[in-house]
């Protein structure tokens, strides 16, 4: 059965719940649509988080990011939504999501969302 995009993030129990460590995930294959023109926007999405009780399952994250491919959305909105959805699924100690969008019309956009448990959520 072929895989399909999905907004569902699957989580797994943190195999080292008593330890503080950082997870870095990066993909340069992110695409969404410009809500003004309908043209594709390409970006590198970087996710750094310090897990608490759960970690994200990577295939589900891939399918989740793929789900934005046909969605018209601003850079600022999509980066915040990715962070919000990961926070809702994982409740990490800390998270940082960076959307580094390719140059369009001579302008490059980098959006950084950073939040810490107990301070920001």
N, C-alpha and C. Protein backbone atom coordinates (compact mmCIF):
# COMPACT_ATOMS: atom_id res chain seq x y z
N UNK A 1 0.85 -1.18 0.00
CA UNK A 1 0.00 0.00 0.00
C UNK A 1 0.90 1.25 0.00
N UNK A 2 0.66 2.18 -0.92
CA UNK A 2 1.50 3.38 -0.97
C UNK A 2 1.26 4.28 0.26
N UNK A 3 2.31 4.99 0.62
CA UNK A 3 2.16 5.92 1.73
C UNK A 3 1.48 7.18 1.24
N UNK A 4 0.81 7.85 2.16
CA UNK A 4 0.09 9.08 1.85
C UNK A 4 0.41 10.12 2.90
N UNK A 5 0.33 11.40 2.54
CA UNK A 5 0.56 12.45 3.53
C UNK A 5 -0.46 12.34 4.67
N UNK A 6 -0.05 12.74 5.86
CA UNK A 6 -0.93 12.65 7.03
C UNK A 6 -0.57 13.73 8.04
N UNK A 7 -1.58 14.30 8.69
CA UNK A 7 -1.34 15.28 9.75
C UNK A 7 -1.14 14.61 11.11
N UNK A 8 -1.17 13.27 11.14
CA UNK A 8 -1.04 12.55 12.40
C UNK A 8 0.42 12.26 12.72
N UNK A 9 0.88 12.76 13.86
CA UNK A 9 2.23 12.49 14.33
C UNK A 9 2.19 11.32 15.30
N UNK A 10 2.95 10.30 15.01
CA UNK A 10 3.03 9.14 15.90
C UNK A 10 4.20 9.34 16.86
N UNK A 11 3.98 9.00 18.11
CA UNK A 11 5.04 9.12 19.10
C UNK A 11 5.34 7.77 19.70
N UNK A 12 6.54 7.64 20.23
CA UNK A 12 6.99 6.43 20.91
C UNK A 12 7.52 6.83 22.28
N UNK A 13 7.49 5.90 23.23
CA UNK A 13 8.05 6.22 24.54
C UNK A 13 9.54 6.55 24.43
N UNK A 14 9.96 7.54 25.18
CA UNK A 14 11.37 7.91 25.23
C UNK A 14 12.15 6.74 25.84
N UNK A 15 13.14 6.18 25.12
CA UNK A 15 13.88 5.04 25.66
C UNK A 15 14.81 5.43 26.82
N UNK A 16 15.04 6.72 27.01
CA UNK A 16 15.91 7.20 28.09
C UNK A 16 15.24 8.37 28.80
N UNK A 17 14.10 8.12 29.46
CA UNK A 17 13.30 9.21 30.03
C UNK A 17 13.98 9.99 31.15
N UNK A 18 14.94 9.40 31.82
CA UNK A 18 15.61 10.09 32.92
C UNK A 18 16.80 10.91 32.50
N UNK A 19 17.12 10.91 31.23
CA UNK A 19 18.30 11.62 30.73
C UNK A 19 17.88 12.80 29.87
N UNK A 20 18.60 13.90 29.97
CA UNK A 20 18.38 15.05 29.09
C UNK A 20 19.32 14.92 27.90
N UNK A 21 18.76 14.85 26.72
CA UNK A 21 19.54 14.81 25.50
C UNK A 21 18.78 15.52 24.40
N UNK A 22 19.48 15.90 23.37
CA UNK A 22 18.88 16.67 22.27
C UNK A 22 18.74 15.80 21.03
N UNK A 23 17.65 16.00 20.31
CA UNK A 23 17.42 15.32 19.04
C UNK A 23 17.39 16.39 17.95
N UNK A 24 18.17 16.18 16.89
CA UNK A 24 18.20 17.10 15.75
C UNK A 24 17.66 16.35 14.53
N UNK A 25 16.66 16.92 13.89
CA UNK A 25 16.07 16.36 12.67
C UNK A 25 16.07 17.46 11.62
N UNK A 26 16.45 17.11 10.41
CA UNK A 26 16.52 18.12 9.35
C UNK A 26 16.13 17.50 8.02
N UNK A 27 15.37 18.24 7.24
CA UNK A 27 15.05 17.82 5.88
C UNK A 27 15.08 19.03 4.95
N UNK A 28 15.62 18.83 3.78
CA UNK A 28 15.63 19.90 2.78
C UNK A 28 14.59 19.63 1.70
N UNK A 29 13.63 18.74 2.00
CA UNK A 29 12.61 18.36 1.02
C UNK A 29 11.23 18.93 1.33
N UNK A 30 11.15 19.94 2.21
CA UNK A 30 9.85 20.50 2.57
C UNK A 30 9.33 21.40 1.45
N UNK A 31 8.05 21.23 1.13
CA UNK A 31 7.40 22.13 0.18
C UNK A 31 6.00 22.45 0.67
N UNK A 32 5.58 23.65 0.37
CA UNK A 32 4.21 24.11 0.60
C UNK A 32 3.91 25.06 -0.56
N UNK A 33 2.71 25.59 -0.58
CA UNK A 33 2.35 26.52 -1.64
C UNK A 33 2.25 27.93 -1.10
N UNK A 34 2.69 28.89 -1.89
CA UNK A 34 2.50 30.29 -1.53
C UNK A 34 1.00 30.58 -1.56
N UNK A 35 0.44 31.11 -0.48
CA UNK A 35 -1.00 31.37 -0.47
C UNK A 35 -1.42 32.52 -1.39
N UNK A 36 -0.46 33.31 -1.82
CA UNK A 36 -0.77 34.45 -2.70
C UNK A 36 -0.73 34.07 -4.18
N UNK A 37 0.26 33.23 -4.55
CA UNK A 37 0.47 32.93 -5.97
C UNK A 37 0.17 31.48 -6.34
N UNK A 38 0.15 30.60 -5.33
CA UNK A 38 -0.03 29.18 -5.60
C UNK A 38 1.23 28.48 -6.05
N UNK A 39 2.33 29.22 -6.14
CA UNK A 39 3.60 28.62 -6.55
C UNK A 39 4.23 27.88 -5.37
N UNK A 40 5.05 26.86 -5.66
CA UNK A 40 5.66 26.10 -4.57
C UNK A 40 6.73 26.90 -3.85
N UNK A 41 6.75 26.74 -2.53
CA UNK A 41 7.82 27.26 -1.68
C UNK A 41 8.62 26.07 -1.17
N UNK A 42 9.92 26.16 -1.28
CA UNK A 42 10.81 25.09 -0.83
C UNK A 42 11.56 25.56 0.40
N UNK A 43 11.79 24.63 1.33
CA UNK A 43 12.47 25.01 2.56
C UNK A 43 13.24 23.84 3.16
N UNK A 44 14.21 24.20 3.98
CA UNK A 44 14.84 23.24 4.87
C UNK A 44 14.19 23.45 6.23
N UNK A 45 13.66 22.39 6.79
CA UNK A 45 13.06 22.44 8.11
C UNK A 45 14.00 21.73 9.07
N UNK A 46 14.39 22.43 10.14
CA UNK A 46 15.24 21.86 11.18
C UNK A 46 14.45 21.83 12.48
N UNK A 47 14.51 20.70 13.15
CA UNK A 47 13.81 20.52 14.42
C UNK A 47 14.82 20.05 15.45
N UNK A 48 14.93 20.79 16.53
CA UNK A 48 15.76 20.39 17.66
C UNK A 48 14.85 20.32 18.88
N UNK A 49 14.87 19.20 19.58
CA UNK A 49 14.05 19.11 20.78
C UNK A 49 14.74 18.26 21.84
N UNK A 50 14.39 18.55 23.08
CA UNK A 50 14.84 17.76 24.23
C UNK A 50 13.62 16.97 24.69
N UNK A 51 13.61 15.66 24.45
CA UNK A 51 12.43 14.87 24.78
C UNK A 51 12.16 14.80 26.28
N UNK A 52 10.89 14.62 26.60
CA UNK A 52 10.49 14.29 27.96
C UNK A 52 10.04 12.83 27.91
N UNK A 53 8.75 12.58 27.87
CA UNK A 53 8.26 11.21 27.90
C UNK A 53 8.18 10.51 26.56
N UNK A 54 8.25 11.29 25.45
CA UNK A 54 8.04 10.70 24.12
C UNK A 54 9.03 11.26 23.10
N UNK A 55 9.22 10.47 22.05
CA UNK A 55 9.99 10.89 20.88
C UNK A 55 9.07 10.75 19.67
N UNK A 56 9.37 11.49 18.62
CA UNK A 56 8.54 11.41 17.41
C UNK A 56 9.05 10.27 16.53
N UNK A 57 8.11 9.52 15.96
CA UNK A 57 8.44 8.46 15.02
C UNK A 57 8.72 9.14 13.67
N UNK A 58 9.87 8.85 13.09
CA UNK A 58 10.35 9.64 11.95
C UNK A 58 9.53 9.47 10.67
N UNK A 59 9.02 8.28 10.40
CA UNK A 59 8.20 8.13 9.18
C UNK A 59 6.94 8.96 9.30
N UNK A 60 6.33 8.98 10.49
CA UNK A 60 5.12 9.79 10.65
C UNK A 60 5.45 11.28 10.50
N UNK A 61 6.64 11.69 10.94
CA UNK A 61 7.05 13.09 10.76
C UNK A 61 7.23 13.40 9.28
N UNK A 62 7.81 12.48 8.54
CA UNK A 62 7.98 12.66 7.10
C UNK A 62 6.62 12.84 6.41
N UNK A 63 5.65 11.97 6.76
CA UNK A 63 4.33 12.05 6.16
C UNK A 63 3.60 13.32 6.60
N UNK A 64 3.84 13.74 7.84
CA UNK A 64 3.26 14.99 8.35
C UNK A 64 3.80 16.18 7.55
N UNK A 65 5.10 16.26 7.38
CA UNK A 65 5.68 17.37 6.62
C UNK A 65 5.21 17.34 5.16
N UNK A 66 5.06 16.16 4.62
CA UNK A 66 4.58 15.99 3.24
C UNK A 66 3.15 16.53 3.11
N UNK A 67 2.37 16.49 4.18
CA UNK A 67 0.97 16.92 4.11
C UNK A 67 0.82 18.40 3.78
N UNK A 68 1.88 19.17 3.91
CA UNK A 68 1.81 20.60 3.58
C UNK A 68 2.06 20.88 2.10
N UNK A 69 2.42 19.87 1.33
CA UNK A 69 2.83 20.05 -0.07
C UNK A 69 1.77 20.74 -0.92
N UNK A 70 0.51 20.50 -0.67
CA UNK A 70 -0.57 21.08 -1.47
C UNK A 70 -1.34 22.17 -0.71
N UNK A 71 -0.77 22.64 0.39
CA UNK A 71 -1.46 23.62 1.23
C UNK A 71 -0.87 25.01 1.03
N UNK A 72 -1.74 25.98 0.80
CA UNK A 72 -1.29 27.37 0.71
C UNK A 72 -1.14 27.93 2.12
N UNK A 73 0.09 28.31 2.48
CA UNK A 73 0.35 28.73 3.86
C UNK A 73 1.58 29.63 3.90
N UNK A 74 1.51 30.67 4.73
CA UNK A 74 2.64 31.58 4.90
C UNK A 74 3.77 30.90 5.68
N UNK A 75 4.99 31.32 5.43
CA UNK A 75 6.17 30.74 6.08
C UNK A 75 6.06 30.81 7.60
N UNK A 76 5.64 31.95 8.10
CA UNK A 76 5.54 32.15 9.55
C UNK A 76 4.50 31.21 10.16
N UNK A 77 3.39 31.03 9.44
CA UNK A 77 2.32 30.18 9.94
C UNK A 77 2.73 28.72 9.96
N UNK A 78 3.31 28.23 8.88
CA UNK A 78 3.65 26.81 8.82
C UNK A 78 4.72 26.45 9.85
N UNK A 79 5.68 27.33 10.06
CA UNK A 79 6.73 27.03 11.04
C UNK A 79 6.14 26.97 12.44
N UNK A 80 5.25 27.90 12.78
CA UNK A 80 4.59 27.87 14.08
C UNK A 80 3.67 26.65 14.22
N UNK A 81 2.97 26.28 13.16
CA UNK A 81 2.09 25.11 13.24
C UNK A 81 2.87 23.82 13.45
N UNK A 82 4.00 23.69 12.78
CA UNK A 82 4.84 22.51 12.99
C UNK A 82 5.28 22.45 14.45
N UNK A 83 5.74 23.57 15.00
CA UNK A 83 6.16 23.60 16.41
C UNK A 83 4.98 23.27 17.32
N UNK A 84 3.84 23.88 17.09
CA UNK A 84 2.66 23.64 17.93
C UNK A 84 2.23 22.17 17.89
N UNK A 85 2.23 21.58 16.71
CA UNK A 85 1.81 20.18 16.58
C UNK A 85 2.80 19.24 17.27
N UNK A 86 4.09 19.54 17.16
CA UNK A 86 5.09 18.71 17.85
C UNK A 86 4.99 18.87 19.36
N UNK A 87 4.73 20.08 19.83
CA UNK A 87 4.54 20.30 21.27
C UNK A 87 3.33 19.52 21.77
N UNK A 88 2.24 19.56 21.02
CA UNK A 88 1.02 18.85 21.41
C UNK A 88 1.25 17.34 21.46
N UNK A 89 2.03 16.83 20.54
CA UNK A 89 2.28 15.38 20.47
C UNK A 89 3.32 14.91 21.48
N UNK A 90 4.35 15.72 21.70
CA UNK A 90 5.51 15.27 22.48
C UNK A 90 5.62 15.86 23.88
N UNK A 91 5.13 17.06 24.07
CA UNK A 91 5.36 17.81 25.30
C UNK A 91 6.83 17.77 25.71
N UNK A 92 7.72 18.21 24.82
CA UNK A 92 9.16 18.12 25.11
C UNK A 92 9.58 19.15 26.14
N UNK A 93 10.77 18.94 26.71
CA UNK A 93 11.32 19.94 27.63
C UNK A 93 11.59 21.25 26.89
N UNK A 94 12.06 21.13 25.66
CA UNK A 94 12.41 22.31 24.85
C UNK A 94 12.28 21.93 23.38
N UNK A 95 11.92 22.91 22.55
CA UNK A 95 11.85 22.66 21.11
C UNK A 95 12.23 23.92 20.35
N UNK A 96 12.89 23.71 19.24
CA UNK A 96 13.23 24.80 18.31
C UNK A 96 12.97 24.28 16.91
N UNK A 97 12.15 25.00 16.16
CA UNK A 97 11.85 24.65 14.77
C UNK A 97 12.27 25.83 13.90
N UNK A 98 13.07 25.55 12.89
CA UNK A 98 13.54 26.59 11.97
C UNK A 98 13.07 26.23 10.56
N UNK A 99 12.38 27.18 9.93
CA UNK A 99 12.02 27.06 8.52
C UNK A 99 12.91 28.00 7.73
N UNK A 100 13.81 27.44 6.95
CA UNK A 100 14.74 28.22 6.12
C UNK A 100 14.26 28.10 4.67
N UNK A 101 13.50 29.11 4.23
CA UNK A 101 12.83 29.06 2.94
C UNK A 101 13.73 29.59 1.83
N UNK A 102 13.67 28.92 0.68
CA UNK A 102 14.49 29.32 -0.46
C UNK A 102 14.13 30.73 -0.93
N UNK A 103 15.08 31.36 -1.56
CA UNK A 103 14.90 32.72 -2.07
C UNK A 103 13.80 32.73 -3.12
N UNK A 104 12.90 33.71 -2.98
CA UNK A 104 11.85 33.93 -3.97
C UNK A 104 11.75 35.44 -4.16
N UNK A 105 11.85 35.88 -5.38
CA UNK A 105 11.76 37.31 -5.67
C UNK A 105 12.87 38.11 -4.98
N UNK A 106 14.02 37.46 -4.77
CA UNK A 106 15.16 38.14 -4.16
C UNK A 106 15.09 38.20 -2.64
N UNK A 107 14.10 37.55 -2.03
CA UNK A 107 13.95 37.60 -0.58
C UNK A 107 14.04 36.19 0.00
N UNK A 108 14.87 36.04 1.00
CA UNK A 108 15.00 34.78 1.73
C UNK A 108 14.34 34.96 3.08
N UNK A 109 13.57 33.95 3.50
CA UNK A 109 12.88 34.01 4.79
C UNK A 109 13.39 32.88 5.68
N UNK A 110 13.76 33.21 6.91
CA UNK A 110 14.10 32.21 7.93
C UNK A 110 13.23 32.50 9.14
N UNK A 111 12.41 31.51 9.51
CA UNK A 111 11.50 31.66 10.65
C UNK A 111 11.96 30.70 11.74
N UNK A 112 12.16 31.22 12.95
CA UNK A 112 12.59 30.40 14.09
C UNK A 112 11.54 30.47 15.18
N UNK A 113 11.09 29.30 15.63
CA UNK A 113 10.14 29.19 16.73
C UNK A 113 10.83 28.38 17.83
N UNK A 114 10.92 28.97 19.02
CA UNK A 114 11.60 28.29 20.12
C UNK A 114 10.74 28.39 21.36
N UNK A 115 10.52 27.25 22.02
CA UNK A 115 9.67 27.24 23.20
C UNK A 115 10.22 26.27 24.24
N UNK A 116 9.98 26.60 25.52
CA UNK A 116 10.44 25.78 26.63
C UNK A 116 9.27 25.44 27.53
N UNK A 117 9.18 24.17 27.91
CA UNK A 117 8.11 23.71 28.81
C UNK A 117 8.18 24.49 30.12
N UNK A 118 7.03 24.91 30.60
CA UNK A 118 6.97 25.65 31.85
C UNK A 118 7.10 27.16 31.66
N UNK A 119 7.62 27.57 30.51
CA UNK A 119 7.76 28.99 30.21
C UNK A 119 6.79 29.40 29.11
N UNK A 120 6.77 28.63 28.04
CA UNK A 120 6.01 28.99 26.84
C UNK A 120 4.80 28.08 26.58
N UNK A 121 4.73 26.96 27.25
CA UNK A 121 3.59 26.05 27.07
C UNK A 121 3.42 25.22 28.32
